[in-house]
Protein backbone atom coordinates (compact mmCIF):
# COMPACT_ATOMS: atom_id res chain seq x y z
CA UNK A 1 72.68 61.96 68.81
CA UNK A 2 74.34 64.22 72.07
CA UNK A 3 73.69 61.65 75.27
CA UNK A 4 72.18 64.57 77.17
CA UNK A 5 69.44 64.31 74.88
CA UNK A 6 68.80 60.56 75.44
CA UNK A 7 66.44 59.45 78.15
CA UNK A 8 67.50 58.03 81.04
CA UNK A 9 66.98 54.07 81.18
CA UNK A 10 64.14 53.60 84.02
CA UNK A 11 64.61 50.27 85.83
CA UNK A 12 61.72 48.89 87.74
CA UNK A 13 62.89 46.56 90.35
CA UNK A 14 60.19 43.47 91.56
CA UNK A 15 60.82 41.69 94.98
CA UNK A 16 59.24 38.27 94.51
CA UNK A 17 58.99 37.75 98.39
CA UNK A 18 57.42 41.13 99.44
CA UNK A 19 53.90 39.69 100.42
CA UNK A 20 50.98 41.58 101.25
CA UNK A 21 51.39 42.72 104.86
CA UNK A 22 50.55 46.17 105.58
CA UNK A 23 51.21 48.07 108.96
CA UNK A 24 49.69 51.74 109.86
CA UNK A 25 52.06 54.00 111.01
CA UNK A 26 52.45 57.20 111.60
CA UNK A 27 54.97 59.28 109.06
CA UNK A 28 57.18 61.94 110.78
CA UNK A 29 59.24 64.71 108.66
CA UNK A 30 62.67 64.76 110.64
CA UNK A 31 65.83 67.27 110.19
CA UNK A 32 68.43 64.02 110.56
CA UNK A 33 72.00 64.24 108.56
CA UNK A 34 71.20 60.42 107.32
CA UNK A 35 67.90 60.76 105.99
CA UNK A 36 68.87 63.98 104.17
CA UNK A 37 67.96 64.58 100.46
CA UNK A 38 71.13 64.39 98.01
CA UNK A 39 70.59 65.61 94.28
CA UNK A 40 69.95 61.77 93.37
CA UNK A 41 66.81 61.66 95.49
CA UNK A 42 65.54 65.03 94.70
CA UNK A 43 62.85 64.21 92.09
CA UNK A 44 59.29 64.84 92.22
CA UNK A 45 58.51 61.66 89.81
CA UNK A 46 59.48 58.33 91.51
CA UNK A 47 60.98 57.15 87.88
CA UNK A 48 63.12 60.39 87.31
CA UNK A 49 65.41 59.74 90.86
CA UNK A 50 68.40 57.75 90.67
CA UNK A 51 68.92 56.93 94.55
CA UNK A 52 66.18 55.78 97.11
CA UNK A 53 65.21 58.47 99.58
CA UNK A 54 65.91 56.88 102.95
CA UNK A 55 63.37 56.10 105.76
CA UNK A 56 64.46 55.28 109.79
CA UNK A 57 61.99 52.58 111.06
CA UNK A 58 62.06 50.92 114.80
CA UNK A 59 63.59 47.09 115.11
CA UNK A 60 59.98 45.86 115.68
CA UNK A 61 58.90 47.28 112.09
CA UNK A 62 61.56 46.29 110.21
CA UNK A 63 61.39 42.53 111.83
CA UNK A 64 57.28 42.94 110.93
CA UNK A 65 58.25 43.66 107.44
CA UNK A 66 61.18 41.43 106.86
CA UNK A 67 63.07 44.67 105.64
CA UNK A 68 65.90 42.76 106.10
CA UNK A 69 66.09 40.97 103.01
CA UNK A 70 65.55 43.65 99.95
CA UNK A 71 65.56 46.66 102.64
CA UNK A 72 63.31 48.74 100.67
CA UNK A 73 59.94 50.46 102.54
CA UNK A 74 56.96 51.48 100.68
CA UNK A 75 55.07 54.34 102.67
CA UNK A 76 50.96 55.14 101.02
CA UNK A 77 50.52 58.66 103.11
CA UNK A 78 47.11 60.38 103.77
CA UNK A 79 46.72 63.69 102.48
CA UNK A 80 44.33 66.01 101.71
CA UNK A 81 42.53 65.12 98.64
CA UNK A 82 44.17 61.69 98.18
CA UNK A 83 47.10 59.87 98.96
CA UNK A 84 51.15 60.05 98.31
CA UNK A 85 53.04 56.84 97.39
CA UNK A 86 56.58 57.20 97.88
CA UNK A 87 59.59 53.78 98.28
CA UNK A 88 62.81 54.41 100.18
CA UNK A 89 65.95 52.77 101.51
CA UNK A 90 64.65 51.48 105.27
CA UNK A 91 67.21 52.00 108.24
CA UNK A 92 66.86 50.57 111.51
CA UNK A 93 66.97 52.82 114.48
CA UNK A 94 66.40 52.12 118.17
CA UNK A 95 65.35 55.64 118.62
CA UNK A 96 62.28 55.49 116.32
CA UNK A 97 59.24 54.36 118.31
CA UNK A 98 57.32 51.47 117.22
CA UNK A 99 54.84 51.75 114.22
CA UNK A 100 56.56 55.07 113.29
CA UNK A 101 58.38 55.87 110.66
CA UNK A 102 61.12 58.76 109.97
CA UNK A 103 61.87 60.66 106.86
CA UNK A 104 63.06 63.98 105.46
CA UNK A 105 61.06 66.54 106.38
CA UNK A 106 61.76 68.58 103.01
CA UNK A 107 60.72 64.74 101.44
CA UNK A 108 56.96 64.79 103.63
CA UNK A 109 56.68 68.62 102.76
CA UNK A 110 56.95 67.67 99.71
CA UNK A 111 54.61 64.55 99.40
CA UNK A 112 51.83 66.10 101.47
CA UNK A 113 52.58 69.78 103.16
CA UNK A 114 53.10 68.73 106.17
CA UNK A 115 55.45 67.48 108.94
CA UNK A 116 53.13 64.61 110.11
CA UNK A 117 51.34 62.34 108.53
CA UNK A 118 48.79 59.09 108.70
CA UNK A 119 50.61 56.17 106.51
CA UNK A 120 50.45 52.46 105.39
CA UNK A 121 53.54 50.74 105.28
CA UNK A 122 54.92 47.64 103.73
CA UNK A 123 57.32 46.01 102.57
CA UNK A 124 57.79 47.03 98.30
CA UNK A 125 56.64 45.27 95.66
CA UNK A 126 57.83 47.19 93.14
CA UNK A 127 60.02 50.22 92.80
CA UNK A 128 61.58 52.38 89.75
CA UNK A 129 65.19 54.01 89.61
CA UNK A 130 66.65 56.23 86.67
CA UNK A 131 69.70 54.38 85.71
CA UNK A 132 72.33 57.33 84.16
CA UNK A 133 74.29 56.24 80.96
CA UNK A 134 77.68 54.60 82.96
CA UNK A 135 75.57 52.27 84.36
CA UNK A 136 73.75 51.49 81.26
CA UNK A 137 76.79 50.74 79.17
CA UNK A 138 77.86 48.16 81.90
CA UNK A 139 74.96 46.02 81.64
CA UNK A 140 74.82 46.57 77.80
CA UNK A 141 75.34 42.68 76.27
CA UNK A 142 73.52 41.16 79.30
CA UNK A 143 70.01 39.51 77.85
CA UNK A 144 66.62 38.44 79.53
CA UNK A 145 67.23 35.53 82.02
CA UNK A 146 70.76 37.17 82.98
CA UNK A 147 71.91 38.39 86.48
CA UNK A 148 73.61 41.30 87.31
CA UNK A 149 75.00 42.73 90.65
CA UNK A 150 72.61 44.33 92.44
CA UNK A 151 75.53 47.01 93.91
CA UNK A 152 75.32 48.47 90.21
CA UNK A 153 72.12 50.56 91.33
CA UNK A 154 72.80 50.92 95.18
CA UNK A 155 71.29 47.36 96.52
CA UNK A 156 74.54 45.65 97.79
CA UNK A 157 74.14 41.77 98.42
CA UNK A 158 71.66 41.16 96.11
CA UNK A 159 71.33 40.23 92.32
CA UNK A 160 68.93 41.24 89.89
CA UNK A 161 67.36 38.97 87.11
CA UNK A 162 66.55 40.72 83.75
CA UNK A 163 62.62 39.90 83.19
CA UNK A 164 62.18 42.09 80.27
CA UNK A 165 61.83 45.95 79.23
CA UNK A 166 60.51 48.17 76.37
CA UNK A 167 61.98 51.44 74.18
CA UNK A 168 60.63 54.70 73.90
CA UNK A 169 57.85 53.50 71.54
CA UNK A 170 56.54 50.87 73.65
CA UNK A 171 58.03 48.26 71.84
CA UNK A 172 58.88 45.10 74.41
CA UNK A 173 62.34 42.69 74.69
CA UNK A 174 61.15 39.21 73.38
CA UNK A 175 63.04 35.97 74.99
CA UNK A 176 63.03 34.41 71.30
CA UNK A 177 64.59 37.55 69.48
CA UNK A 178 68.59 37.20 69.58
CA UNK A 179 70.50 40.71 69.83
CA UNK A 180 68.61 44.28 70.53
CA UNK A 181 67.19 45.30 66.85
CA UNK A 182 63.32 45.46 65.74
CA UNK A 183 62.11 42.80 64.13
CA UNK A 184 58.20 41.63 62.86
CA UNK A 185 57.86 37.83 64.59
CA UNK A 186 55.00 35.44 64.21
CA UNK A 187 53.53 35.60 68.37
CA UNK A 188 50.94 33.15 69.53
CA UNK A 189 51.62 34.74 73.35
CA UNK A 190 53.45 37.59 75.02
CA UNK A 191 55.30 39.44 75.58
CA UNK A 192 54.32 41.97 72.35
CA UNK A 193 50.96 39.92 71.64
CA UNK A 194 47.90 39.17 74.02
CA UNK A 195 45.81 36.76 71.85
CA UNK A 196 41.80 37.03 72.21
CA UNK A 197 41.09 33.35 71.54
CA UNK A 198 42.66 29.99 71.22
CA UNK A 199 45.55 29.61 68.48
CA UNK A 200 45.43 33.14 67.05
CA UNK A 201 48.54 34.34 66.05
CA UNK A 202 49.59 37.72 64.58
CA UNK A 203 53.06 39.39 63.64
CA UNK A 204 53.76 42.08 65.72
CA UNK A 205 57.46 44.09 66.31
CA UNK A 206 59.36 43.24 68.73
CA UNK A 207 62.94 44.17 70.27
CA UNK A 208 66.20 42.13 70.72
CA UNK A 209 66.34 39.91 74.77
CA UNK A 210 69.96 41.88 74.69
CA UNK A 211 70.38 45.25 76.39
CA UNK A 212 71.75 47.59 73.92
CA UNK A 213 74.71 49.92 74.43
CA UNK A 214 72.95 53.35 75.03
CA UNK A 215 75.51 54.86 72.80
CA UNK A 216 74.73 52.96 69.74
CA UNK A 217 70.87 53.79 70.21
CA UNK A 218 68.76 56.41 68.71
CA UNK A 219 66.09 58.39 71.22
CA UNK A 220 63.28 57.47 69.37
CA UNK A 221 64.30 53.95 69.51
CA UNK A 222 66.39 53.84 72.50
CA UNK A 223 65.38 51.24 75.00
CA UNK A 224 63.48 53.09 78.03
CA UNK A 225 62.46 50.71 80.73
CA UNK A 226 64.06 47.39 82.05
CA UNK A 227 61.87 45.22 83.86
CA UNK A 228 64.24 43.04 86.74
CA UNK A 229 63.69 40.96 89.89
CA UNK A 230 65.49 40.41 93.02
CA UNK A 231 67.00 36.84 92.82
CA UNK A 232 66.82 34.85 95.89
CA UNK A 233 68.61 31.48 94.40
């Protein structure tokens, strides 16, 4: 199967220290070279982005949301008829007024069709990235519970711990199954089975705990999502 026909691996990154603090802000679309979108950021769907867009925030907002750790900010932006959510890499700037967030004018226009908007800002609890095949190859062989350097996904000074994942047809990785193959196993708890009564067990198909080499997988059974968590230990 040609490599270009395989969907990219979607990595969902969670931050266990994110908390629930939210701050009302004004979002402004700015023509700024540091905020300019590159091709890796120019995807409407978050899960198709290979790199997070950037935002400039004041020192006060940066400190209040403790963005010095993971450095990822989520905005819930009000728009006509609803809201738009976007996660961004935060840059602290002395030029940004308190309780304002500056992002690419192109991005804000794409999200809400305006160059200013009201929003709620909070430290991102989770965000997604599409990982190209060369990175998938570098993390292949790792298993649930293993850690890898965050710089592989563009996050220097962070480490990510593998928590699980699922393939293109929804079968989850299971920590009790070695390798990367699919297998039917008797389960009494998640992942793979959620019992409705005490003591219930059932045979379910799951994947092994190892990340496979994408070059050895078929499109229909390829690993599609990997769940990781920032490791602060």
